[in-house]
Protein backbone atom coordinates (compact mmCIF):
# COMPACT_ATOMS: atom_id res chain seq x y z
CA MET A 1 -1.25 -1.24 -17.18
CA ALA A 2 1.07 -3.70 -15.44
CA GLU A 3 2.92 -4.17 -18.73
CA GLU A 4 3.10 -0.39 -19.12
CA CYS A 5 4.82 -0.18 -15.75
CA VAL A 6 7.37 -2.84 -16.71
CA ASN A 7 8.04 -1.25 -20.10
CA GLU A 8 8.56 2.13 -18.47
CA MET A 9 11.12 0.59 -16.16
CA SER A 10 12.90 -1.18 -19.01
CA ASP A 11 13.25 2.02 -21.04
CA ALA A 12 14.34 4.07 -18.05
CA THR A 13 17.04 1.59 -17.05
CA ALA A 14 18.50 1.15 -20.50
CA THR A 15 21.51 3.23 -19.43
CA ARG A 16 21.87 1.34 -16.13
CA PRO A 17 23.18 -2.09 -17.28
CA VAL A 18 24.34 -3.07 -13.78
CA TRP A 19 20.92 -2.50 -12.29
CA ASN A 20 19.22 -4.11 -15.24
CA GLU A 21 21.35 -7.21 -14.91
CA THR A 22 20.74 -7.47 -11.17
CA VAL A 23 16.98 -6.97 -11.24
CA SER A 24 16.59 -9.18 -14.30
CA ARG A 25 18.26 -12.02 -12.45
CA TYR A 26 15.67 -11.92 -9.68
CA LYS A 27 12.46 -11.09 -11.54
CA HIS A 28 11.55 -14.72 -12.21
CA PRO A 29 9.21 -16.41 -9.70
CA ASP A 30 10.02 -19.69 -7.99
CA VAL A 31 6.81 -21.74 -7.95
CA ARG A 32 7.85 -23.70 -4.85
CA LYS A 33 8.59 -20.53 -2.88
CA SER A 34 5.35 -18.94 -4.06
CA CYS A 35 3.26 -21.97 -3.09
CA TRP A 36 4.96 -22.21 0.29
CA GLN A 37 4.25 -18.54 0.92
CA VAL A 38 0.57 -19.09 0.16
CA ILE A 39 0.47 -22.03 2.58
CA ASN A 40 2.30 -20.28 5.43
CA SER A 41 0.08 -17.22 5.05
CA VAL A 42 -3.43 -18.46 4.27
CA VAL A 43 -3.47 -21.54 6.54
CA PRO A 44 -2.41 -19.67 9.72
CA PHE A 45 -4.90 -16.91 8.86
CA PHE A 46 -7.83 -19.33 8.87
CA LEU A 47 -6.54 -21.18 11.96
CA LEU A 48 -6.29 -17.91 13.89
CA TRP A 49 -9.73 -16.88 12.62
CA TYR A 50 -11.09 -20.12 14.06
CA LEU A 51 -9.23 -19.48 17.33
CA MET A 52 -10.91 -16.07 17.50
CA TYR A 53 -14.25 -17.80 17.12
CA LEU A 54 -13.42 -20.25 19.93
CA SER A 55 -12.35 -17.40 22.22
CA TYR A 56 -15.42 -15.30 21.39
CA SER A 57 -17.73 -17.11 23.82
CA TRP A 58 -15.13 -16.97 26.59
CA SER A 59 -13.55 -13.52 26.43
CA TYR A 60 -13.94 -10.94 23.69
CA TRP A 61 -10.76 -9.23 24.93
CA LEU A 62 -8.91 -12.42 24.07
CA THR A 63 -10.63 -12.40 20.69
CA LEU A 64 -9.32 -8.89 20.06
CA LEU A 65 -5.85 -9.92 21.18
CA VAL A 66 -5.78 -12.77 18.68
CA ALA A 67 -7.00 -10.33 16.01
CA VAL A 68 -3.55 -8.68 16.03
CA PRO A 69 -1.55 -11.61 14.58
CA THR A 70 -4.53 -12.52 12.38
CA ALA A 71 -4.38 -9.04 10.86
CA GLY A 72 -0.65 -9.58 10.37
CA PHE A 73 -1.35 -12.63 8.23
CA LEU A 74 -4.03 -10.68 6.35
CA THR A 75 -1.39 -8.05 5.57
CA ARG A 76 0.89 -10.80 4.27
CA ILE A 77 -1.96 -12.12 2.11
CA PHE A 78 -2.40 -8.61 0.71
CA ILE A 79 1.25 -8.63 -0.35
CA ILE A 80 0.66 -11.91 -2.18
CA GLN A 81 -2.31 -10.30 -3.92
CA HIS A 82 -0.07 -7.32 -4.68
CA ASP A 83 2.54 -9.55 -6.33
CA CYS A 84 -0.16 -11.35 -8.30
CA GLY A 85 -1.31 -7.95 -9.55
CA HIS A 86 2.17 -7.35 -10.94
CA HIS A 87 2.16 -10.90 -12.39
CA SER A 88 5.32 -11.56 -10.42
CA PHE A 89 4.13 -14.37 -8.15
CA PHE A 90 3.68 -17.11 -10.78
CA ARG A 91 4.84 -17.44 -14.37
CA SER A 92 1.26 -18.06 -15.47
CA ARG A 93 -0.93 -14.97 -15.86
CA ARG A 94 -4.02 -17.06 -15.16
CA ALA A 95 -2.53 -18.47 -11.95
CA ASN A 96 -1.66 -14.94 -10.79
CA ASP A 97 -5.17 -13.68 -11.54
CA LEU A 98 -6.95 -16.60 -9.87
CA LEU A 99 -4.88 -16.41 -6.70
CA GLY A 100 -5.07 -12.61 -6.77
CA PHE A 101 -8.87 -12.73 -6.88
CA PHE A 102 -8.98 -15.22 -3.98
CA CYS A 103 -6.66 -13.05 -1.88
CA GLY A 104 -8.70 -10.01 -2.87
CA VAL A 105 -11.82 -11.55 -1.36
CA LEU A 106 -9.96 -12.09 1.93
CA THR A 107 -8.62 -8.51 1.89
CA LEU A 108 -11.92 -7.01 0.65
CA THR A 109 -10.13 -5.72 -2.44
CA PRO A 110 -11.44 -6.11 -6.03
CA TYR A 111 -8.36 -7.59 -7.64
CA HIS A 112 -8.51 -6.35 -11.23
CA PHE A 113 -9.60 -2.84 -10.24
CA TRP A 114 -6.82 -2.56 -7.68
CA ARG A 115 -4.32 -4.03 -10.14
CA ARG A 116 -5.05 -1.32 -12.70
CA THR A 117 -4.99 1.63 -10.29
CA HIS A 118 -1.84 0.34 -8.62
CA ALA A 119 -0.07 0.01 -11.97
CA ARG A 120 -0.88 3.69 -12.58
CA HIS A 121 0.70 4.48 -9.23
CA HIS A 122 3.93 2.89 -10.39
CA VAL A 123 4.19 5.04 -13.52
CA THR A 124 3.14 8.30 -11.81
CA SER A 125 4.69 8.05 -8.33
CA GLY A 126 6.46 11.31 -7.48
CA ASN A 127 4.91 13.18 -10.42
CA LEU A 128 3.24 16.36 -9.17
CA ASP A 129 1.23 16.68 -12.38
CA HIS A 130 -0.18 13.16 -12.12
CA ARG A 131 -1.23 12.78 -8.50
CA GLY A 132 -4.27 10.88 -7.32
CA HIS A 133 -3.50 7.54 -8.94
CA GLY A 134 -3.35 5.06 -6.09
CA ASP A 135 -1.37 7.33 -3.80
CA VAL A 136 -1.95 9.28 -0.59
CA GLY A 137 -3.13 12.80 -1.39
CA VAL A 138 -0.51 15.50 -0.86
CA LEU A 139 -0.62 19.24 -1.56
CA THR A 140 2.24 21.64 -2.12
CA VAL A 141 2.60 24.62 0.20
CA GLU A 142 1.39 26.94 -2.56
CA GLU A 143 -1.63 24.77 -3.31
CA TYR A 144 -2.55 24.76 0.36
CA ARG A 145 -2.20 28.54 0.51
CA GLY A 146 -4.60 28.85 -2.41
CA ARG A 147 -7.35 26.88 -0.70
CA THR A 148 -10.29 28.32 1.21
CA LYS A 149 -10.48 27.79 4.96
CA TRP A 150 -12.85 24.88 4.40
CA GLY A 151 -10.50 23.45 1.81
CA ARG A 152 -7.62 23.64 4.26
CA LEU A 153 -9.73 22.07 6.98
CA SER A 154 -10.71 19.14 4.77
CA TYR A 155 -7.06 18.59 3.85
CA ARG A 156 -5.98 18.75 7.49
CA ILE A 157 -8.58 16.13 8.36
CA SER A 158 -7.56 13.89 5.45
CA ARG A 159 -3.91 14.00 6.57
CA HIS A 160 -4.55 13.37 10.26
CA PRO A 161 -3.18 9.97 11.37
CA LEU A 162 -6.48 8.97 12.98
CA PHE A 163 -8.21 9.54 9.66
CA LEU A 164 -5.50 8.13 7.39
CA PHE A 165 -4.93 4.91 9.30
CA GLY A 166 -8.23 4.72 11.15
CA PHE A 167 -11.51 5.77 9.58
CA GLY A 168 -10.11 6.50 6.12
CA ALA A 169 -8.32 3.18 5.74
CA SER A 170 -11.28 1.16 7.01
CA TYR A 171 -13.73 3.11 4.85
CA MET A 172 -11.66 2.44 1.75
CA PHE A 173 -11.51 -1.32 2.29
CA ILE A 174 -15.01 -1.85 3.68
CA VAL A 175 -17.11 0.68 1.75
CA GLN A 176 -15.30 2.45 -1.09
CA GLN A 177 -14.02 -0.73 -2.72
CA ARG A 178 -17.59 -2.04 -2.89
CA LEU A 179 -18.68 0.78 -5.21
CA THR A 180 -18.29 1.43 -8.94
CA HIS A 181 -19.11 5.13 -8.64
CA GLY A 182 -16.57 7.25 -10.47
CA ILE A 183 -15.03 4.30 -12.33
CA PRO A 184 -15.05 4.78 -16.14
CA ARG A 185 -17.61 2.70 -18.02
CA THR A 186 -14.82 1.54 -20.30
CA TRP A 187 -13.16 -0.23 -17.36
CA GLN A 188 -15.43 -3.23 -17.85
CA ARG A 189 -13.09 -5.84 -16.38
CA GLU A 190 -12.39 -3.69 -13.33
CA ARG A 191 -16.09 -3.00 -12.72
CA LYS A 192 -16.85 -6.72 -13.10
CA SER A 193 -14.10 -7.44 -10.56
CA ILE A 194 -15.86 -5.25 -8.02
CA HIS A 195 -19.20 -7.00 -8.58
CA LEU A 196 -17.67 -10.48 -8.35
CA THR A 197 -15.75 -9.58 -5.20
CA ASN A 198 -18.93 -8.19 -3.64
CA LEU A 199 -20.80 -11.37 -4.55
CA ALA A 200 -18.09 -13.53 -2.98
CA LEU A 201 -18.18 -11.40 0.16
CA LEU A 202 -21.97 -11.68 0.37
CA ILE A 203 -21.66 -15.46 0.16
CA ALA A 204 -18.96 -15.46 2.86
CA VAL A 205 -21.07 -13.29 5.17
CA GLY A 206 -24.12 -15.45 4.48
CA VAL A 207 -22.25 -18.64 5.36
CA GLY A 208 -20.83 -17.02 8.48
CA TRP A 209 -24.31 -15.84 9.46
CA MET A 210 -25.73 -19.36 9.16
CA VAL A 211 -22.84 -21.08 10.94
CA ILE A 212 -21.95 -18.77 13.86
CA GLY A 213 -24.47 -15.91 13.60
CA LEU A 214 -24.08 -12.47 12.10
CA PRO A 215 -23.03 -10.62 15.31
CA ALA A 216 -20.25 -13.11 16.05
CA PHE A 217 -19.06 -13.10 12.44
CA LEU A 218 -18.85 -9.31 12.26
CA LEU A 219 -17.26 -8.94 15.72
CA ILE A 220 -14.55 -11.36 14.63
CA GLU A 221 -14.01 -10.17 11.05
CA LEU A 222 -14.19 -6.40 11.50
CA PRO A 223 -11.28 -6.05 13.97
CA ILE A 224 -9.09 -8.05 11.58
CA VAL A 225 -10.05 -5.82 8.66
CA VAL A 226 -9.63 -2.58 10.63
CA LEU A 227 -6.18 -3.57 11.92
CA GLY A 228 -5.10 -4.95 8.55
CA ALA A 229 -6.29 -1.81 6.76
CA ALA A 230 -4.38 0.37 9.21
CA ALA A 231 -1.19 -1.66 8.80
CA GLY A 232 -1.42 -1.75 5.02
CA SER A 233 -2.16 1.96 4.76
CA TRP A 234 0.76 2.79 7.04
CA LEU A 235 3.18 0.70 4.97
CA PHE A 236 2.00 2.36 1.78
CA PHE A 237 2.16 5.84 3.33
CA VAL A 238 5.57 5.66 4.95
CA GLN A 239 7.30 4.30 1.84
CA HIS A 240 6.69 7.55 -0.06
CA GLN A 241 5.87 10.26 2.50
CA TYR A 242 9.15 11.04 4.25
CA GLU A 243 10.94 14.38 4.49
CA GLU A 244 13.43 13.99 1.64
CA THR A 245 11.18 12.11 -0.75
CA TYR A 246 10.89 12.84 -4.46
CA TRP A 247 8.30 15.03 -6.18
CA GLN A 248 8.80 16.75 -9.53
CA ARG A 249 6.71 18.32 -12.23
CA ARG A 250 6.14 16.20 -15.32
CA LYS A 251 8.87 17.81 -17.43
CA SER A 252 11.53 17.07 -14.80
CA TRP A 253 10.14 13.76 -13.55
CA ASP A 254 12.44 10.73 -13.86
CA PHE A 255 11.44 7.11 -13.33
CA ILE A 256 14.74 6.01 -11.79
CA ARG A 257 14.88 8.94 -9.37
CA SER A 258 11.25 8.38 -8.47
CA ALA A 259 12.07 4.78 -7.54
CA LEU A 260 15.38 5.32 -5.72
CA ASP A 261 14.73 8.76 -4.17
CA GLY A 262 10.95 8.66 -3.83
CA SER A 263 10.62 5.16 -2.36
CA SER A 264 12.23 4.32 0.96
CA TYR A 265 13.98 1.25 2.27
CA TYR A 266 11.89 0.57 5.37
CA ARG A 267 14.25 -1.32 7.69
CA LEU A 268 11.91 -3.36 9.87
CA PRO A 269 12.58 -6.01 12.53
CA ARG A 270 12.73 -9.48 10.99
CA ILE A 271 9.26 -10.54 12.18
CA LEU A 272 7.61 -7.39 10.80
CA ARG A 273 9.55 -7.76 7.56
CA TRP A 274 8.12 -11.27 7.26
CA PHE A 275 4.53 -10.18 7.91
CA SER A 276 4.88 -7.27 5.47
CA GLY A 277 6.23 -9.52 2.73
CA ASN A 278 9.49 -7.57 2.32
CA ILE A 279 7.57 -4.58 0.96
CA GLY A 280 10.05 -2.40 2.88
CA TYR A 281 12.47 -2.89 -0.03
CA HIS A 282 10.19 -0.52 -1.83
CA HIS A 283 12.79 1.25 -3.92
CA ILE A 284 13.74 -2.02 -5.60
CA HIS A 285 10.09 -2.91 -6.08
CA HIS A 286 9.52 0.40 -7.86
CA LEU A 287 12.54 -0.17 -10.10
CA ASN A 288 11.07 -3.46 -11.28
CA SER A 289 7.70 -4.62 -10.04
CA ARG A 290 8.21 -8.08 -11.57
CA ILE A 291 10.54 -9.13 -8.75
CA PRO A 292 8.67 -11.47 -6.35
CA ASN A 293 8.66 -10.22 -2.76
CA TYR A 294 10.83 -13.13 -1.55
CA ASN A 295 13.60 -12.12 -3.97
CA LEU A 296 13.78 -8.48 -2.87
CA PRO A 297 16.18 -9.03 0.09
CA VAL A 298 18.75 -10.95 -1.97
CA CYS A 299 18.52 -8.37 -4.73
CA TYR A 300 19.16 -5.66 -2.13
CA ASP A 301 22.18 -7.51 -0.72
CA GLU A 302 23.73 -8.06 -4.13
CA GLU A 303 23.57 -4.52 -5.55
CA ALA A 304 25.47 -1.83 -3.63
CA ALA A 305 23.50 0.99 -5.28
CA PHE A 306 20.31 -0.26 -3.66
CA ARG A 307 21.83 0.18 -0.21
CA GLU A 308 22.25 3.90 -0.86
CA ALA A 309 18.50 4.48 -0.84
CA PHE A 310 16.86 6.54 1.88
CA THR A 311 16.54 4.25 4.90
CA LEU A 312 13.84 4.49 7.53
CA GLY A 313 13.92 2.63 10.83
CA LEU A 314 10.76 1.84 12.74
CA ARG A 315 11.24 4.63 15.28
CA GLU A 316 12.22 7.26 12.69
CA SER A 317 9.26 6.35 10.52
CA LEU A 318 6.78 7.50 13.17
CA LYS A 319 7.85 11.09 12.52
CA CYS A 320 6.59 10.82 8.95
CA ALA A 321 3.00 11.01 10.19
CA SER A 322 3.53 14.70 11.03
CA LEU A 323 4.63 15.62 7.49
CA LYS A 324 1.79 17.22 5.56
CA LEU A 325 2.90 19.50 2.70
CA TRP A 326 5.47 19.41 -0.09
CA ASP A 327 7.66 22.50 -0.44
CA GLU A 328 8.74 22.80 -4.07
CA ASP A 329 11.40 25.38 -3.20
CA GLN A 330 13.12 23.35 -0.48
CA GLN A 331 12.30 20.00 -2.09
CA ARG A 332 11.13 18.41 1.12
CA MET A 333 8.01 17.52 3.07
CA LEU A 334 7.01 19.93 5.83
CA THR A 335 4.90 19.77 8.95
CA PHE A 336 2.12 22.32 9.23
CA ALA A 337 4.25 24.11 11.83
CA ASP A 338 7.16 24.31 9.36
CA ALA A 339 4.87 25.70 6.68
CA ASN A 340 3.38 28.19 9.12
CA ALA A 341 6.88 29.49 9.92
CA LEU A 342 7.51 30.09 6.22
CA VAL A 343 4.52 32.41 5.97
CA LYS A 344 4.60 34.00 9.43
CA HIS A 345 4.36 37.44 7.86
CA GLU A 346 1.31 36.38 5.87
CA PRO A 347 -1.10 34.52 8.21
CA LEU A 348 -2.92 31.76 6.42
CA ASP A 349 -4.78 30.07 9.24
CA LEU A 350 -2.31 27.20 9.12
CA PRO A 351 -2.53 24.92 12.17
CA ARG A 352 0.13 25.48 14.79
CA ALA A 353 0.47 21.81 15.71
CA ALA A 354 2.70 19.48 13.73
């Protein structure tokens, strides 16, 4: 599936020689940069984890405080895993897969399963007829209107920020990614990845239980996972769920437009850009997923067309959480209040709040 994503990009950009030349120049990994990124991400993560353990017997509030930067490093490790999944971090497929599996254990993510579903996201992003492949669920206004009251309620809950970035995100990483339910039997490698990741996690928990005790281990690890899951889910959400994003039916869907119009440039402060592994340059990443994360900024600076992408600042991005429905007529995301105003003459039990 990763190759399918790259091939799709290559075909779609055949008429864009300038873009092809630019992205091709930066799609090759630098082993030294990759290794240094592993060191400056994984080593601080374990050091901070140990600091949380030392603080645990003194003040749990301090432990929770240290969990914040620790979760930041976990997010950075997830980006490394993400690049490995695209085989963009090392030249060697085996090196990518081995490091990706290791990072997946730290992030509670079965590497090969996630790699396959994420590759599907890349070739279906913005396609209204192929939703549900590694993306955040979104309904059109008409689809919402056609739902029962219970159907609308379940959708409202699923789109609430507390669910999306709280319970939902944590459930996905802690519980859902432990299960093979619903995964096709033919996905043998992906199912095996889940089992191997679960085994590695059981060993890690067992060692932690023997060394520091199960309560201490869980009270240290869970806050990191919850915060990291929230941060990762937010980054993934905000890069595609803004007002003027891109959604089209299959017949009108275009790969280039999906990348440049349906993926934002998330302009973050330098420190947050570092922790998020430059994933804010998401439009470039969707044009060619083989570009290592450390090459995205220079690629952005070199190609003027990339600077025309929809740009979100940190403050503006917070408004995206209130956007719930896609209006096919207006070609924009709406709040529930906006959608309610559209059908004020035909009450649909839409929520009044944004």
